[in-house]
Amino acid sequence: MTKRQGKAYFMISVVAERYNIHPQTLRLYEREGLLKPSRTEGNTRLYSEEDLEQLETILALTRDLGVNLAGVEIILNMRRKMEQMQGEVNQFMEYVKHELARGLGDWEQRLSTAMVKSSPTDLVRATPQINVEQPGDSTETSRRQRHEEHKAHEEHKEHKEQKLS
């Protein structure tokens, strides 16, 4: 065991013995991108506590659940993305709490000084309905539908421009 910057690091032989796996297996996990141990200047692999937690997850998936390495990679990537998204959700919730704490009065004041004065519904673009031509539909019917959709879209655009002026 080595200590760097107050953290404990383990050499490959110690990790292999501790988890009852061959050092080549650890090297394989590194080649596959499942583990990323740090290295000394002499290029010796050093496994941190975080690396050991990752290894325990890999071993649980492969030994206990029979997941192959490709599946392990997918699962680990999904876990990483889920943790990232959870962090983003937590950050957003903190922002919402902060904004709610500021109160509605401040919101109304900021809204009155906004560069574009419009309600949120005015900012939402209407999505044109897309019709998929079914076998047996005539080209004329399809052309008529596209014309009607275009006309409705133009009318909506005109209505929005009138509201803004």
N, C-alpha and C. Protein backbone atom coordinates (compact mmCIF):
# COMPACT_ATOMS: atom_id res chain seq x y z
N MET A 1 0.85 -1.18 0.00
CA MET A 1 0.00 0.00 0.00
C MET A 1 0.90 1.23 0.00
N THR A 2 0.55 2.21 -0.84
CA THR A 2 1.29 3.45 -0.95
C THR A 2 0.36 4.59 -0.59
N LYS A 3 0.92 5.66 -0.04
CA LYS A 3 0.10 6.84 0.26
C LYS A 3 0.59 8.01 -0.56
N ARG A 4 -0.34 8.67 -1.25
CA ARG A 4 -0.03 9.87 -2.02
C ARG A 4 -1.09 10.89 -1.70
N GLN A 5 -0.69 12.07 -1.29
CA GLN A 5 -1.61 13.16 -0.98
C GLN A 5 -2.72 12.73 -0.02
N GLY A 6 -2.36 11.95 1.00
CA GLY A 6 -3.33 11.56 2.01
C GLY A 6 -4.26 10.44 1.59
N LYS A 7 -4.14 9.94 0.40
CA LYS A 7 -4.99 8.85 -0.08
C LYS A 7 -4.19 7.55 -0.11
N ALA A 8 -4.88 6.44 0.09
CA ALA A 8 -4.23 5.14 0.02
C ALA A 8 -4.31 4.61 -1.40
N TYR A 9 -3.19 4.05 -1.87
CA TYR A 9 -3.12 3.45 -3.18
C TYR A 9 -2.56 2.04 -3.04
N PHE A 10 -3.02 1.13 -3.88
CA PHE A 10 -2.63 -0.27 -3.79
C PHE A 10 -1.99 -0.70 -5.10
N MET A 11 -0.94 -1.48 -4.99
CA MET A 11 -0.27 -2.02 -6.17
C MET A 11 -1.09 -3.18 -6.71
N ILE A 12 -0.84 -3.53 -7.97
CA ILE A 12 -1.64 -4.55 -8.67
C ILE A 12 -1.60 -5.90 -7.95
N SER A 13 -0.46 -6.27 -7.41
CA SER A 13 -0.34 -7.57 -6.74
C SER A 13 -1.22 -7.62 -5.49
N VAL A 14 -1.29 -6.53 -4.76
CA VAL A 14 -2.11 -6.47 -3.54
C VAL A 14 -3.59 -6.56 -3.91
N VAL A 15 -3.98 -5.83 -4.94
CA VAL A 15 -5.38 -5.83 -5.38
C VAL A 15 -5.77 -7.21 -5.89
N ALA A 16 -4.90 -7.82 -6.68
CA ALA A 16 -5.18 -9.16 -7.24
C ALA A 16 -5.37 -10.17 -6.12
N GLU A 17 -4.51 -10.12 -5.12
CA GLU A 17 -4.61 -11.06 -4.00
C GLU A 17 -5.87 -10.77 -3.17
N ARG A 18 -6.13 -9.51 -2.90
CA ARG A 18 -7.28 -9.12 -2.08
C ARG A 18 -8.60 -9.59 -2.69
N TYR A 19 -8.72 -9.52 -4.03
CA TYR A 19 -9.98 -9.87 -4.70
C TYR A 19 -9.94 -11.24 -5.38
N ASN A 20 -8.84 -11.97 -5.16
CA ASN A 20 -8.70 -13.32 -5.68
C ASN A 20 -8.88 -13.36 -7.21
N ILE A 21 -8.17 -12.47 -7.88
CA ILE A 21 -8.17 -12.44 -9.35
C ILE A 21 -6.73 -12.37 -9.83
N HIS A 22 -6.51 -12.73 -11.06
CA HIS A 22 -5.17 -12.70 -11.65
C HIS A 22 -4.84 -11.26 -12.04
N PRO A 23 -3.57 -10.84 -11.88
CA PRO A 23 -3.19 -9.48 -12.31
C PRO A 23 -3.51 -9.21 -13.78
N GLN A 24 -3.44 -10.27 -14.62
CA GLN A 24 -3.78 -10.08 -16.04
C GLN A 24 -5.25 -9.65 -16.20
N THR A 25 -6.10 -10.11 -15.31
CA THR A 25 -7.51 -9.72 -15.38
C THR A 25 -7.65 -8.23 -15.11
N LEU A 26 -6.88 -7.73 -14.14
CA LEU A 26 -6.89 -6.29 -13.86
C LEU A 26 -6.37 -5.51 -15.06
N ARG A 27 -5.33 -6.03 -15.70
CA ARG A 27 -4.80 -5.36 -16.90
C ARG A 27 -5.83 -5.37 -18.02
N LEU A 28 -6.57 -6.47 -18.15
CA LEU A 28 -7.63 -6.56 -19.16
C LEU A 28 -8.72 -5.52 -18.88
N TYR A 29 -9.12 -5.41 -17.62
CA TYR A 29 -10.14 -4.41 -17.27
C TYR A 29 -9.66 -3.01 -17.61
N GLU A 30 -8.37 -2.76 -17.44
CA GLU A 30 -7.82 -1.45 -17.79
C GLU A 30 -7.82 -1.25 -19.30
N ARG A 31 -7.40 -2.28 -20.06
CA ARG A 31 -7.42 -2.18 -21.53
C ARG A 31 -8.82 -1.93 -22.06
N GLU A 32 -9.81 -2.56 -21.42
CA GLU A 32 -11.21 -2.39 -21.84
C GLU A 32 -11.79 -1.05 -21.40
N GLY A 33 -11.03 -0.29 -20.60
CA GLY A 33 -11.50 1.02 -20.14
C GLY A 33 -12.42 0.95 -18.93
N LEU A 34 -12.47 -0.20 -18.29
CA LEU A 34 -13.35 -0.35 -17.12
C LEU A 34 -12.69 0.17 -15.85
N LEU A 35 -11.39 0.11 -15.77
CA LEU A 35 -10.61 0.63 -14.65
C LEU A 35 -9.56 1.58 -15.19
N LYS A 36 -9.26 2.62 -14.42
CA LYS A 36 -8.24 3.58 -14.84
C LYS A 36 -7.35 3.90 -13.64
N PRO A 37 -6.47 2.96 -13.28
CA PRO A 37 -5.58 3.23 -12.14
C PRO A 37 -4.57 4.32 -12.50
N SER A 38 -4.10 5.01 -11.48
CA SER A 38 -3.05 6.00 -11.74
C SER A 38 -1.72 5.28 -11.88
N ARG A 39 -0.70 5.99 -12.27
CA ARG A 39 0.60 5.38 -12.50
C ARG A 39 1.68 6.19 -11.77
N THR A 40 2.72 5.48 -11.34
CA THR A 40 3.88 6.15 -10.77
C THR A 40 4.77 6.61 -11.92
N GLU A 41 5.84 7.31 -11.60
CA GLU A 41 6.78 7.73 -12.65
C GLU A 41 7.42 6.51 -13.30
N GLY A 42 7.52 5.42 -12.55
CA GLY A 42 8.08 4.18 -13.10
C GLY A 42 7.03 3.34 -13.80
N ASN A 43 5.83 3.87 -13.98
CA ASN A 43 4.71 3.25 -14.70
C ASN A 43 4.05 2.10 -13.94
N THR A 44 4.21 2.06 -12.63
CA THR A 44 3.54 1.05 -11.81
C THR A 44 2.10 1.48 -11.59
N ARG A 45 1.18 0.54 -11.75
CA ARG A 45 -0.24 0.83 -11.53
C ARG A 45 -0.50 1.01 -10.05
N LEU A 46 -1.26 2.05 -9.72
CA LEU A 46 -1.69 2.28 -8.34
C LEU A 46 -3.21 2.43 -8.32
N TYR A 47 -3.86 1.58 -7.54
CA TYR A 47 -5.32 1.56 -7.46
C TYR A 47 -5.77 2.31 -6.22
N SER A 48 -6.66 3.29 -6.40
CA SER A 48 -7.21 4.07 -5.30
C SER A 48 -8.42 3.36 -4.72
N GLU A 49 -8.95 3.91 -3.63
CA GLU A 49 -10.18 3.37 -3.04
C GLU A 49 -11.33 3.42 -4.05
N GLU A 50 -11.39 4.50 -4.84
CA GLU A 50 -12.44 4.62 -5.87
C GLU A 50 -12.27 3.53 -6.93
N ASP A 51 -11.02 3.24 -7.30
CA ASP A 51 -10.76 2.17 -8.26
C ASP A 51 -11.23 0.82 -7.71
N LEU A 52 -10.99 0.60 -6.41
CA LEU A 52 -11.41 -0.66 -5.78
C LEU A 52 -12.93 -0.77 -5.73
N GLU A 53 -13.62 0.33 -5.49
CA GLU A 53 -15.09 0.32 -5.52
C GLU A 53 -15.58 -0.04 -6.93
N GLN A 54 -14.94 0.54 -7.93
CA GLN A 54 -15.29 0.24 -9.32
C GLN A 54 -15.03 -1.24 -9.61
N LEU A 55 -13.90 -1.75 -9.13
CA LEU A 55 -13.57 -3.16 -9.33
C LEU A 55 -14.61 -4.05 -8.66
N GLU A 56 -15.04 -3.69 -7.45
CA GLU A 56 -16.06 -4.48 -6.76
C GLU A 56 -17.36 -4.52 -7.56
N THR A 57 -17.71 -3.41 -8.18
CA THR A 57 -18.90 -3.37 -9.03
C THR A 57 -18.72 -4.29 -10.24
N ILE A 58 -17.57 -4.21 -10.86
CA ILE A 58 -17.28 -5.06 -12.03
C ILE A 58 -17.36 -6.53 -11.64
N LEU A 59 -16.75 -6.88 -10.52
CA LEU A 59 -16.76 -8.27 -10.08
C LEU A 59 -18.16 -8.75 -9.72
N ALA A 60 -18.95 -7.89 -9.10
CA ALA A 60 -20.33 -8.26 -8.77
C ALA A 60 -21.12 -8.51 -10.05
N LEU A 61 -20.93 -7.67 -11.05
CA LEU A 61 -21.65 -7.84 -12.32
C LEU A 61 -21.21 -9.11 -13.05
N THR A 62 -19.92 -9.35 -13.09
CA THR A 62 -19.42 -10.51 -13.85
C THR A 62 -19.60 -11.81 -13.08
N ARG A 63 -19.23 -11.83 -11.80
CA ARG A 63 -19.28 -13.07 -11.03
C ARG A 63 -20.70 -13.42 -10.60
N ASP A 64 -21.39 -12.45 -10.02
CA ASP A 64 -22.70 -12.73 -9.43
C ASP A 64 -23.83 -12.73 -10.45
N LEU A 65 -23.74 -11.83 -11.44
CA LEU A 65 -24.85 -11.68 -12.38
C LEU A 65 -24.55 -12.24 -13.77
N GLY A 66 -23.30 -12.65 -14.01
CA GLY A 66 -22.95 -13.25 -15.29
C GLY A 66 -22.91 -12.29 -16.45
N VAL A 67 -22.69 -11.00 -16.19
CA VAL A 67 -22.65 -9.99 -17.25
C VAL A 67 -21.28 -10.04 -17.92
N ASN A 68 -21.27 -9.99 -19.25
CA ASN A 68 -19.98 -9.97 -19.95
C ASN A 68 -19.39 -8.56 -19.91
N LEU A 69 -18.14 -8.40 -20.35
CA LEU A 69 -17.45 -7.12 -20.22
C LEU A 69 -18.10 -6.01 -21.04
N ALA A 70 -18.66 -6.35 -22.19
CA ALA A 70 -19.38 -5.34 -22.98
C ALA A 70 -20.58 -4.83 -22.19
N GLY A 71 -21.29 -5.74 -21.55
CA GLY A 71 -22.44 -5.35 -20.73
C GLY A 71 -22.01 -4.53 -19.53
N VAL A 72 -20.88 -4.90 -18.93
CA VAL A 72 -20.35 -4.15 -17.79
C VAL A 72 -20.06 -2.72 -18.22
N GLU A 73 -19.44 -2.57 -19.39
CA GLU A 73 -19.12 -1.22 -19.88
C GLU A 73 -20.39 -0.39 -20.06
N ILE A 74 -21.40 -0.98 -20.63
CA ILE A 74 -22.67 -0.26 -20.83
C ILE A 74 -23.28 0.12 -19.49
N ILE A 75 -23.30 -0.81 -18.56
CA ILE A 75 -23.89 -0.54 -17.24
C ILE A 75 -23.12 0.57 -16.52
N LEU A 76 -21.79 0.51 -16.56
CA LEU A 76 -21.00 1.54 -15.89
C LEU A 76 -21.20 2.91 -16.54
N ASN A 77 -21.28 2.94 -17.86
CA ASN A 77 -21.55 4.22 -18.55
C ASN A 77 -22.92 4.76 -18.18
N MET A 78 -23.91 3.87 -18.11
CA MET A 78 -25.26 4.32 -17.74
C MET A 78 -25.27 4.84 -16.31
N ARG A 79 -24.58 4.16 -15.41
CA ARG A 79 -24.50 4.63 -14.02
C ARG A 79 -23.86 6.01 -13.95
N ARG A 80 -22.78 6.20 -14.72
CA ARG A 80 -22.09 7.48 -14.73
C ARG A 80 -23.03 8.58 -15.25
N LYS A 81 -23.77 8.28 -16.31
CA LYS A 81 -24.70 9.27 -16.87
C LYS A 81 -25.83 9.56 -15.89
N MET A 82 -26.32 8.52 -15.22
CA MET A 82 -27.39 8.71 -14.25
C MET A 82 -26.91 9.58 -13.08
N GLU A 83 -25.68 9.36 -12.62
CA GLU A 83 -25.13 10.18 -11.54
C GLU A 83 -24.99 11.62 -11.99
N GLN A 84 -24.55 11.81 -13.24
CA GLN A 84 -24.42 13.16 -13.79
C GLN A 84 -25.79 13.84 -13.87
N MET A 85 -26.79 13.10 -14.38
CA MET A 85 -28.13 13.67 -14.49
C MET A 85 -28.70 13.97 -13.12
N GLN A 86 -28.45 13.10 -12.13
CA GLN A 86 -28.93 13.35 -10.78
C GLN A 86 -28.31 14.63 -10.24
N GLY A 87 -27.03 14.83 -10.52
CA GLY A 87 -26.37 16.07 -10.11
C GLY A 87 -27.02 17.28 -10.77
N GLU A 88 -27.35 17.16 -12.05
CA GLU A 88 -27.99 18.27 -12.76
C GLU A 88 -29.38 18.54 -12.20
N VAL A 89 -30.12 17.49 -11.88
CA VAL A 89 -31.45 17.65 -11.29
C VAL A 89 -31.33 18.34 -9.93
N ASN A 90 -30.36 17.90 -9.12
CA ASN A 90 -30.16 18.51 -7.81
C ASN A 90 -29.80 19.99 -7.95
N GLN A 91 -28.95 20.29 -8.92
CA GLN A 91 -28.56 21.68 -9.16
C GLN A 91 -29.78 22.50 -9.60
N PHE A 92 -30.60 21.95 -10.47
CA PHE A 92 -31.80 22.63 -10.92
C PHE A 92 -32.76 22.86 -9.76
N MET A 93 -32.92 21.85 -8.91
CA MET A 93 -33.82 21.99 -7.75
C MET A 93 -33.33 23.09 -6.82
N GLU A 94 -32.03 23.20 -6.63
CA GLU A 94 -31.48 24.28 -5.80
C GLU A 94 -31.79 25.63 -6.42
N TYR A 95 -31.66 25.70 -7.74
CA TYR A 95 -31.98 26.95 -8.44
C TYR A 95 -33.45 27.32 -8.26
N VAL A 96 -34.33 26.32 -8.43
CA VAL A 96 -35.77 26.57 -8.28
C VAL A 96 -36.07 27.02 -6.86
N LYS A 97 -35.50 26.36 -5.86
CA LYS A 97 -35.71 26.76 -4.46
C LYS A 97 -35.26 28.19 -4.23
N HIS A 98 -34.09 28.52 -4.80
CA HIS A 98 -33.56 29.87 -4.66
C HIS A 98 -34.51 30.90 -5.29
N GLU A 99 -34.99 30.57 -6.49
CA GLU A 99 -35.89 31.50 -7.18
C GLU A 99 -37.22 31.65 -6.44
N LEU A 100 -37.73 30.54 -5.93
CA LEU A 100 -38.98 30.62 -5.17
C LEU A 100 -38.80 31.43 -3.89
N ALA A 101 -37.63 31.32 -3.29
CA ALA A 101 -37.36 32.06 -2.07
C ALA A 101 -37.31 33.57 -2.34
N ARG A 102 -36.93 33.92 -3.54
CA ARG A 102 -36.87 35.36 -3.89
C ARG A 102 -38.26 35.97 -3.94
N GLY A 103 -39.26 35.16 -4.16
CA GLY A 103 -40.63 35.64 -4.11
C GLY A 103 -41.17 36.06 -5.45
N LEU A 104 -42.49 36.12 -5.52
CA LEU A 104 -43.17 36.48 -6.76
C LEU A 104 -43.03 37.96 -7.09
N GLY A 105 -42.96 38.80 -6.09
CA GLY A 105 -42.83 40.24 -6.34
C GLY A 105 -41.62 40.55 -7.18
N ASP A 106 -40.51 39.92 -6.85
CA ASP A 106 -39.29 40.13 -7.61
C ASP A 106 -39.46 39.59 -9.02
N TRP A 107 -40.16 38.46 -9.18
CA TRP A 107 -40.39 37.89 -10.50
C TRP A 107 -41.20 38.86 -11.36
N GLU A 108 -42.25 39.45 -10.76
CA GLU A 108 -43.09 40.39 -11.52
C GLU A 108 -42.28 41.61 -11.93
N GLN A 109 -41.40 42.07 -11.04
CA GLN A 109 -40.56 43.23 -11.36
C GLN A 109 -39.61 42.89 -12.50
N ARG A 110 -38.99 41.69 -12.47
CA ARG A 110 -38.08 41.29 -13.53
C ARG A 110 -38.82 41.10 -14.85
N LEU A 111 -40.04 40.59 -14.79
CA LEU A 111 -40.83 40.39 -15.99
C LEU A 111 -41.17 41.73 -16.64
N SER A 112 -41.46 42.73 -15.82
CA SER A 112 -41.83 44.03 -16.38
C SER A 112 -40.65 44.72 -17.06
N THR A 113 -39.44 44.34 -16.69
CA THR A 113 -38.26 44.95 -17.33
C THR A 113 -37.62 44.03 -18.36
N ALA A 114 -38.30 42.96 -18.70
CA ALA A 114 -37.75 42.01 -19.67
C ALA A 114 -37.64 42.65 -21.04
N MET A 115 -36.68 42.20 -21.83
CA MET A 115 -36.50 42.75 -23.17
C MET A 115 -37.67 42.39 -24.08
N VAL A 116 -38.18 41.19 -23.96
CA VAL A 116 -39.30 40.76 -24.78
C VAL A 116 -40.46 40.53 -23.84
N LYS A 117 -41.51 41.32 -24.00
CA LYS A 117 -42.67 41.18 -23.14
C LYS A 117 -43.68 40.27 -23.82
N SER A 118 -43.70 39.05 -23.39
CA SER A 118 -44.66 38.10 -23.93
C SER A 118 -44.85 37.00 -22.91
N SER A 119 -45.99 36.38 -23.00
CA SER A 119 -46.26 35.28 -22.08
C SER A 119 -45.55 34.03 -22.59
N PRO A 120 -45.32 33.07 -21.71
CA PRO A 120 -44.64 31.84 -22.14
C PRO A 120 -45.38 31.13 -23.27
N THR A 121 -46.70 31.23 -23.31
CA THR A 121 -47.44 30.55 -24.38
C THR A 121 -47.17 31.17 -25.74
N ASP A 122 -46.85 32.48 -25.76
CA ASP A 122 -46.53 33.13 -27.03
C ASP A 122 -45.18 32.65 -27.57
N LEU A 123 -44.32 32.19 -26.66
CA LEU A 123 -42.99 31.78 -27.07
C LEU A 123 -42.93 30.34 -27.56
N VAL A 124 -43.97 29.58 -27.29
CA VAL A 124 -44.00 28.19 -27.72
C VAL A 124 -44.46 28.12 -29.16
N ARG A 125 -43.66 27.50 -30.00
CA ARG A 125 -43.97 27.41 -31.41
C ARG A 125 -44.94 26.25 -31.63
N ALA A 126 -45.97 26.51 -32.39
CA ALA A 126 -46.91 25.44 -32.73
C ALA A 126 -46.23 24.50 -33.71
N THR A 127 -46.30 23.23 -33.43
CA THR A 127 -45.67 22.26 -34.33
C THR A 127 -46.71 21.80 -35.35
N PRO A 128 -46.36 21.90 -36.62
CA PRO A 128 -47.33 21.46 -37.64
C PRO A 128 -47.52 19.96 -37.56
N GLN A 129 -48.71 19.53 -37.82
CA GLN A 129 -49.02 18.10 -37.78
C GLN A 129 -48.48 17.45 -39.05
N ILE A 130 -47.82 16.35 -38.87
CA ILE A 130 -47.23 15.64 -40.00
C ILE A 130 -48.12 14.44 -40.31
N ASN A 131 -48.54 14.37 -41.54
CA ASN A 131 -49.36 13.25 -41.97
C ASN A 131 -48.52 12.30 -42.79
N VAL A 132 -48.60 11.05 -42.48
CA VAL A 132 -47.87 10.03 -43.22
C VAL A 132 -48.81 9.44 -44.25
N GLU A 133 -48.35 9.43 -45.48
CA GLU A 133 -49.18 8.94 -46.55
C GLU A 133 -49.35 7.43 -46.43
N GLN A 134 -50.56 6.97 -46.43
CA GLN A 134 -50.87 5.55 -46.32
C GLN A 134 -50.94 4.95 -47.72
N PRO A 135 -50.63 3.66 -47.82
CA PRO A 135 -50.76 3.03 -49.14
C PRO A 135 -52.19 3.18 -49.66
N GLY A 136 -52.32 3.57 -50.88
CA GLY A 136 -53.64 3.74 -51.48
C GLY A 136 -54.12 5.19 -51.45
N ASP A 137 -53.45 6.07 -50.66
CA ASP A 137 -53.83 7.49 -50.64
C ASP A 137 -53.48 8.10 -51.99
N SER A 138 -54.34 8.96 -52.44
CA SER A 138 -54.06 9.60 -53.72
C SER A 138 -53.09 10.75 -53.52
N THR A 139 -52.34 11.06 -54.53
CA THR A 139 -51.39 12.16 -54.47
C THR A 139 -52.13 13.48 -54.29
N GLU A 140 -53.30 13.58 -54.88
CA GLU A 140 -54.10 14.81 -54.78
C GLU A 140 -54.49 15.07 -53.32
N THR A 141 -54.94 14.04 -52.59
CA THR A 141 -55.33 14.20 -51.19
C THR A 141 -54.12 14.64 -50.38
N SER A 142 -53.01 14.04 -50.61
CA SER A 142 -51.78 14.37 -49.91
C SER A 142 -51.37 15.82 -50.20
N ARG A 143 -51.46 16.24 -51.45
CA ARG A 143 -51.11 17.60 -51.85
C ARG A 143 -52.06 18.60 -51.18
N ARG A 144 -53.34 18.26 -51.11
CA ARG A 144 -54.34 19.12 -50.47
C ARG A 144 -54.02 19.27 -48.97
N GLN A 145 -53.66 18.18 -48.33
CA GLN A 145 -53.33 18.23 -46.90
C GLN A 145 -52.12 19.12 -46.65
N ARG A 146 -51.11 18.98 -47.51
CA ARG A 146 -49.92 19.82 -47.34
C ARG A 146 -50.27 21.29 -47.53
N HIS A 147 -51.15 21.57 -48.49
CA HIS A 147 -51.57 22.95 -48.73
C HIS A 147 -52.30 23.50 -47.50
N GLU A 148 -53.20 22.69 -46.94
CA GLU A 148 -53.95 23.14 -45.76
C GLU A 148 -53.02 23.35 -44.57
N GLU A 149 -52.05 22.48 -44.39
CA GLU A 149 -51.10 22.64 -43.29
C GLU A 149 -50.28 23.91 -43.48
N HIS A 150 -49.84 24.14 -44.71
CA HIS A 150 -49.05 25.34 -44.98
C HIS A 150 -49.88 26.59 -44.71
N LYS A 151 -51.12 26.58 -45.14
CA LYS A 151 -52.02 27.71 -44.93
C LYS A 151 -52.23 27.96 -43.44
N ALA A 152 -52.45 26.91 -42.66
CA ALA A 152 -52.65 27.05 -41.21
C ALA A 152 -51.38 27.59 -40.56
N HIS A 153 -50.23 27.14 -41.01
CA HIS A 153 -48.97 27.61 -40.46
C HIS A 153 -48.78 29.10 -40.75
N GLU A 154 -49.08 29.51 -41.98
CA GLU A 154 -48.96 30.93 -42.35
C GLU A 154 -49.92 31.79 -41.53
N GLU A 155 -51.15 31.31 -41.32
CA GLU A 155 -52.12 32.06 -40.52
C GLU A 155 -51.63 32.20 -39.08
N HIS A 156 -51.06 31.15 -38.54
CA HIS A 156 -50.53 31.20 -37.18
C HIS A 156 -49.39 32.21 -37.08
N LYS A 157 -48.53 32.22 -38.12
CA LYS A 157 -47.41 33.15 -38.16
C LYS A 157 -47.92 34.59 -38.20
N GLU A 158 -48.92 34.85 -39.03
CA GLU A 158 -49.51 36.18 -39.12
C GLU A 158 -50.10 36.61 -37.79
N HIS A 159 -50.80 35.69 -37.14
CA HIS A 159 -51.42 35.98 -35.84
C HIS A 159 -50.36 36.36 -34.80
N LYS A 160 -49.23 35.65 -34.80
CA LYS A 160 -48.15 35.96 -33.86
C LYS A 160 -47.56 37.33 -34.16
N GLU A 161 -47.37 37.64 -35.46
CA GLU A 161 -46.80 38.94 -35.84
C GLU A 161 -47.74 40.07 -35.44
N GLN A 162 -49.06 39.86 -35.58
CA GLN A 162 -50.02 40.87 -35.18
C GLN A 162 -49.96 41.11 -33.67
N LYS A 163 -49.79 40.04 -32.89
CA LYS A 163 -49.71 40.15 -31.45
C LYS A 163 -48.50 40.96 -31.03
N LEU A 164 -47.38 40.74 -31.71
CA LEU A 164 -46.14 41.42 -31.37
C LEU A 164 -46.15 42.90 -31.72
N SER A 165 -46.94 43.29 -32.73
CA SER A 165 -46.93 44.69 -33.15
C SER A 165 -47.99 45.50 -32.46
